[in-house]
N, C-alpha and C. Protein backbone atom coordinates (compact mmCIF):
# COMPACT_ATOMS: atom_id res chain seq x y z
N UNK A 1 0.55 21.12 -4.48
CA UNK A 1 -0.07 20.71 -2.95
C UNK A 1 0.73 21.05 -1.81
N UNK A 2 0.00 21.44 -0.57
CA UNK A 2 0.81 21.71 0.27
C UNK A 2 0.51 20.52 1.36
N UNK A 3 1.52 19.62 1.40
CA UNK A 3 1.23 18.36 2.00
C UNK A 3 2.71 18.31 3.16
N UNK A 4 2.47 17.65 4.12
CA UNK A 4 3.55 17.31 5.37
C UNK A 4 4.78 16.81 4.34
N UNK A 5 6.04 17.77 4.74
CA UNK A 5 7.22 17.28 3.68
C UNK A 5 7.37 15.88 3.69
N UNK A 6 7.18 15.03 4.93
CA UNK A 6 7.67 13.91 4.84
C UNK A 6 6.77 12.52 4.08
N UNK A 7 5.75 13.34 3.57
CA UNK A 7 4.99 12.68 2.55
C UNK A 7 4.92 13.31 0.95
N UNK A 8 4.82 14.66 1.09
CA UNK A 8 5.10 15.38 -0.04
C UNK A 8 6.23 15.42 -0.89
N UNK A 9 7.43 14.91 -0.32
CA UNK A 9 8.62 14.95 -0.93
C UNK A 9 9.01 13.49 -1.29
N UNK A 10 8.12 12.63 -1.24
CA UNK A 10 8.28 11.09 -1.52
C UNK A 10 7.79 10.62 -2.97
N UNK A 11 8.40 9.81 -3.61
CA UNK A 11 7.92 9.32 -5.01
C UNK A 11 6.47 8.38 -4.34
N UNK A 12 5.58 8.73 -5.51
CA UNK A 12 4.19 8.43 -5.44
C UNK A 12 3.99 6.60 -5.07
N UNK A 13 4.95 6.22 -5.77
CA UNK A 13 5.07 4.46 -5.40
C UNK A 13 4.99 4.13 -4.22
N UNK A 14 6.37 5.00 -3.57
CA UNK A 14 6.48 4.37 -2.36
C UNK A 14 5.47 4.90 -1.28
N UNK A 15 5.16 6.12 -1.40
CA UNK A 15 3.96 6.49 -0.50
C UNK A 15 2.85 5.69 -0.43
N UNK A 16 2.43 5.23 -1.76
CA UNK A 16 1.31 4.24 -1.82
C UNK A 16 1.48 2.88 -1.24
N UNK A 17 2.68 2.34 -1.42
CA UNK A 17 3.07 1.50 -0.59
C UNK A 17 2.85 1.41 0.88
N UNK A 18 3.27 2.61 1.43
CA UNK A 18 3.17 2.53 2.84
C UNK A 18 1.64 3.10 3.20
N UNK A 19 1.08 3.90 2.38
CA UNK A 19 -0.22 4.27 2.79
C UNK A 19 -1.15 4.03 1.58
N UNK A 20 -1.47 2.77 1.29
CA UNK A 20 -2.57 2.64 0.50
C UNK A 20 -3.97 3.36 0.09
N UNK A 21 -4.31 3.98 1.28
CA UNK A 21 -5.52 4.91 1.31
C UNK A 21 -4.82 6.27 0.33
N UNK A 22 -4.01 6.53 0.23
CA UNK A 22 -3.66 7.50 -0.60
C UNK A 22 -3.87 7.22 -2.14
N UNK A 23 -3.47 6.11 -2.70
CA UNK A 23 -4.02 5.54 -3.51
C UNK A 23 -5.38 5.55 -3.99
N UNK A 24 -5.92 5.14 -3.14
CA UNK A 24 -7.56 5.23 -3.16
C UNK A 24 -8.15 6.26 -3.27
N UNK A 25 -7.64 7.27 -2.65
CA UNK A 25 -8.05 8.70 -2.73
C UNK A 25 -7.73 9.21 -4.31
N UNK A 26 -6.34 9.10 -4.68
CA UNK A 26 -6.34 9.44 -6.33
C UNK A 26 -7.11 8.78 -6.95
N UNK A 27 -7.41 7.66 -6.82
CA UNK A 27 -8.21 6.91 -7.80
C UNK A 27 -9.50 7.51 -8.06
N UNK A 28 -10.31 7.56 -6.88
CA UNK A 28 -11.76 8.34 -6.86
C UNK A 28 -11.37 9.82 -7.69
N UNK A 29 -10.45 10.47 -8.10
CA UNK A 29 -10.54 11.44 -8.85
C UNK A 29 -9.94 11.15 -10.08
N UNK A 30 -9.78 9.86 -10.48
CA UNK A 30 -9.15 9.27 -11.82
C UNK A 30 -7.76 9.60 -12.19
N UNK A 31 -7.10 9.66 -11.14
CA UNK A 31 -5.64 9.70 -10.82
C UNK A 31 -5.01 8.40 -10.78
N UNK A 32 -4.69 7.69 -11.89
CA UNK A 32 -4.38 6.30 -11.73
C UNK A 32 -2.75 5.92 -11.56
N UNK A 33 -2.35 6.76 -10.37
CA UNK A 33 -1.28 6.20 -9.82
C UNK A 33 -0.72 4.98 -9.01
N UNK A 34 -2.05 4.14 -8.77
CA UNK A 34 -1.99 2.78 -8.40
C UNK A 34 -1.74 1.77 -9.46
N UNK A 35 -1.79 2.37 -10.62
CA UNK A 35 -1.87 1.24 -11.56
C UNK A 35 -0.18 1.51 -12.49
N UNK A 36 0.31 2.53 -12.17
CA UNK A 36 1.60 3.15 -12.81
C UNK A 36 2.55 2.39 -12.30
N UNK A 37 3.60 1.87 -13.45
CA UNK A 37 4.58 1.13 -12.90
C UNK A 37 6.02 1.66 -12.68
N UNK A 38 5.97 2.98 -13.17
CA UNK A 38 7.06 4.23 -13.25
C UNK A 38 7.22 4.42 -11.44
N UNK A 39 6.03 5.56 -11.35
CA UNK A 39 5.80 5.67 -9.80
C UNK A 39 6.99 6.49 -9.52
N UNK A 40 7.41 7.52 -10.10
CA UNK A 40 8.54 8.33 -9.82
C UNK A 40 8.39 9.75 -9.63
N UNK A 41 6.83 10.10 -9.72
CA UNK A 41 6.29 11.32 -9.60
C UNK A 41 6.26 11.70 -7.88
N UNK A 42 6.60 12.89 -7.35
CA UNK A 42 6.58 13.26 -6.09
C UNK A 42 4.94 13.64 -5.90
N UNK A 43 4.73 13.01 -4.60
CA UNK A 43 3.32 13.17 -4.06
C UNK A 43 2.82 14.40 -4.35
N UNK A 44 3.55 15.43 -3.82
CA UNK A 44 3.19 16.73 -3.58
C UNK A 44 2.92 17.56 -5.28
N UNK A 45 3.37 16.79 -6.37
CA UNK A 45 3.01 17.32 -7.66
C UNK A 45 2.23 16.37 -8.44
N UNK A 46 1.86 15.01 -7.89
CA UNK A 46 1.25 14.58 -8.77
C UNK A 46 -0.27 14.93 -9.31
N UNK A 47 -0.97 15.32 -8.35
CA UNK A 47 -1.96 16.03 -8.53
C UNK A 47 -2.09 17.07 -9.61
N UNK A 48 -1.18 18.21 -9.22
CA UNK A 48 -1.25 19.34 -10.30
C UNK A 48 -0.88 18.66 -11.84
N UNK A 49 -0.13 17.85 -11.63
CA UNK A 49 0.22 17.27 -12.92
C UNK A 49 -0.98 17.01 -14.08
N UNK A 50 -2.07 16.29 -13.39
CA UNK A 50 -3.43 16.12 -14.17
C UNK A 50 -4.25 17.38 -14.01
N UNK A 51 -4.01 18.32 -14.07
CA UNK A 51 -4.69 19.79 -14.26
C UNK A 51 -6.08 19.37 -13.82
N UNK A 52 -6.47 19.24 -12.68
CA UNK A 52 -7.93 19.05 -12.20
C UNK A 52 -8.82 20.28 -11.67
N UNK A 53 -7.63 21.12 -11.62
CA UNK A 53 -8.41 22.71 -11.20
C UNK A 53 -8.00 22.62 -9.66
N UNK A 54 -7.89 24.02 -9.15
CA UNK A 54 -7.41 24.31 -8.02
C UNK A 54 -8.92 23.74 -6.85
N UNK A 55 -9.79 23.93 -7.13
CA UNK A 55 -10.89 23.40 -6.31
C UNK A 55 -10.73 21.91 -6.10
N UNK A 56 -10.53 21.28 -7.15
CA UNK A 56 -10.37 19.80 -6.99
C UNK A 56 -8.89 18.97 -6.33
N UNK A 57 -8.02 19.92 -6.55
CA UNK A 57 -6.65 20.06 -5.91
C UNK A 57 -6.52 20.01 -4.43
N UNK A 58 -7.51 20.86 -4.21
CA UNK A 58 -7.71 21.36 -2.80
C UNK A 58 -8.17 20.39 -1.91
N UNK A 59 -9.53 19.67 -2.57
CA UNK A 59 -9.88 18.71 -1.86
C UNK A 59 -9.18 17.38 -1.70
N UNK A 60 -8.51 17.27 -2.88
CA UNK A 60 -7.68 16.09 -2.37
C UNK A 60 -6.57 15.93 -1.47
N UNK A 61 -5.95 17.36 -1.67
CA UNK A 61 -5.04 17.48 -0.68
C UNK A 61 -5.69 17.45 0.84
N UNK A 62 -7.01 17.82 0.95
CA UNK A 62 -7.68 17.83 2.36
C UNK A 62 -7.69 16.44 2.71
N UNK A 63 -8.37 15.54 1.90
CA UNK A 63 -8.50 14.24 2.06
C UNK A 63 -7.08 13.56 2.29
N UNK A 64 -6.11 13.73 1.70
CA UNK A 64 -4.93 13.23 2.08
C UNK A 64 -4.23 13.87 3.49
N UNK A 65 -4.36 14.84 3.81
CA UNK A 65 -4.07 15.48 5.08
C UNK A 65 -4.87 14.80 6.07
N UNK A 66 -6.21 14.68 6.00
CA UNK A 66 -7.01 14.10 6.93
C UNK A 66 -6.89 12.81 7.24
N UNK A 67 -6.38 11.83 6.12
CA UNK A 67 -6.15 10.44 6.41
C UNK A 67 -4.72 10.35 7.18
N UNK A 68 -3.86 11.39 6.84
CA UNK A 68 -2.64 11.50 7.41
C UNK A 68 -2.40 11.60 9.02
N UNK A 69 -3.32 12.48 9.16
CA UNK A 69 -3.58 13.06 10.41
C UNK A 69 -4.18 11.94 11.38
N UNK A 70 -5.24 11.23 10.92
CA UNK A 70 -6.05 10.15 11.49
C UNK A 70 -4.87 8.97 11.34
N UNK A 71 -4.42 8.57 10.51
CA UNK A 71 -3.46 7.67 10.95
C UNK A 71 -2.32 7.78 11.93
N UNK A 72 -1.82 9.27 12.03
CA UNK A 72 -0.61 9.54 13.02
C UNK A 72 -1.34 9.41 14.52
N UNK A 73 -2.64 9.95 14.48
CA UNK A 73 -3.47 9.76 15.76
C UNK A 73 -3.27 8.47 16.08
N UNK A 74 -3.83 7.25 15.32
CA UNK A 74 -3.73 6.01 15.40
C UNK A 74 -2.60 5.36 16.12
N UNK A 75 -1.62 5.74 15.36
CA UNK A 75 -0.06 5.27 15.69
C UNK A 75 0.29 5.89 17.09
N UNK A 76 -0.23 6.72 17.50
CA UNK A 76 0.09 7.69 18.73
C UNK A 76 -0.90 7.13 19.85
N UNK A 77 -1.89 6.50 20.07
CA UNK A 77 -2.62 6.18 20.72
C UNK A 77 -2.36 4.59 21.12
N UNK A 78 -2.04 4.45 21.96
CA UNK A 78 -1.50 3.12 22.65
C UNK A 78 -3.00 2.19 22.81
N UNK A 79 -2.99 0.98 22.30
CA UNK A 79 -3.86 0.05 22.63
C UNK A 79 -4.40 -0.13 23.82
N UNK A 80 -5.46 -0.18 24.28
CA UNK A 80 -6.26 -0.52 25.19
C UNK A 80 -5.92 -1.72 25.91
N UNK A 81 -5.26 -2.13 26.95
CA UNK A 81 -5.08 -3.72 27.33
C UNK A 81 -6.39 -4.22 28.03
N UNK A 82 -7.04 -5.49 27.30
CA UNK A 82 -8.21 -5.99 28.06
C UNK A 82 -7.85 -7.30 28.46
N UNK A 83 -8.32 -7.56 29.76
CA UNK A 83 -7.91 -8.59 30.27
C UNK A 83 -9.25 -9.60 29.92
N UNK A 84 -8.73 -10.96 29.17
CA UNK A 84 -9.49 -11.92 28.65
C UNK A 84 -10.47 -12.31 29.60
N UNK A 85 -10.49 -12.20 30.72
CA UNK A 85 -11.45 -12.60 31.90
C UNK A 85 -12.75 -11.40 31.75
N UNK A 86 -12.16 -10.35 31.32
CA UNK A 86 -13.03 -9.29 31.58
C UNK A 86 -13.64 -8.72 30.22
N UNK A 87 -13.26 -9.42 29.31
CA UNK A 87 -13.74 -8.92 27.90
C UNK A 87 -15.07 -8.90 27.62
N UNK A 88 -15.64 -7.77 27.17
CA UNK A 88 -17.19 -7.89 27.06
C UNK A 88 -17.94 -7.15 28.25
N UNK A 89 -17.28 -7.01 29.21
CA UNK A 89 -17.92 -6.70 30.60
C UNK A 89 -17.93 -5.04 30.62
N UNK A 90 -17.35 -4.37 29.92
CA UNK A 90 -17.02 -2.97 30.07
C UNK A 90 -18.35 -2.29 29.42
């Protein structure tokens, strides 16, 4: 898989603790990392180990990258301050 290094080189158990959505994505494809008690596989290799084929691997990669990009955008976007007196008037 071709994932950003900051997530691809991490152990799956740590990545799922920080990003539970990654575990949900893997679960949808029958990869049970969320139930694994060891969790030392690297995120970038965990899908390949399950030999699901190139097309499925590419789809999982796309979903993980899309999630990470959305999470990063959300973290980079400051929350809009709303005055309690004006709430609901916009």
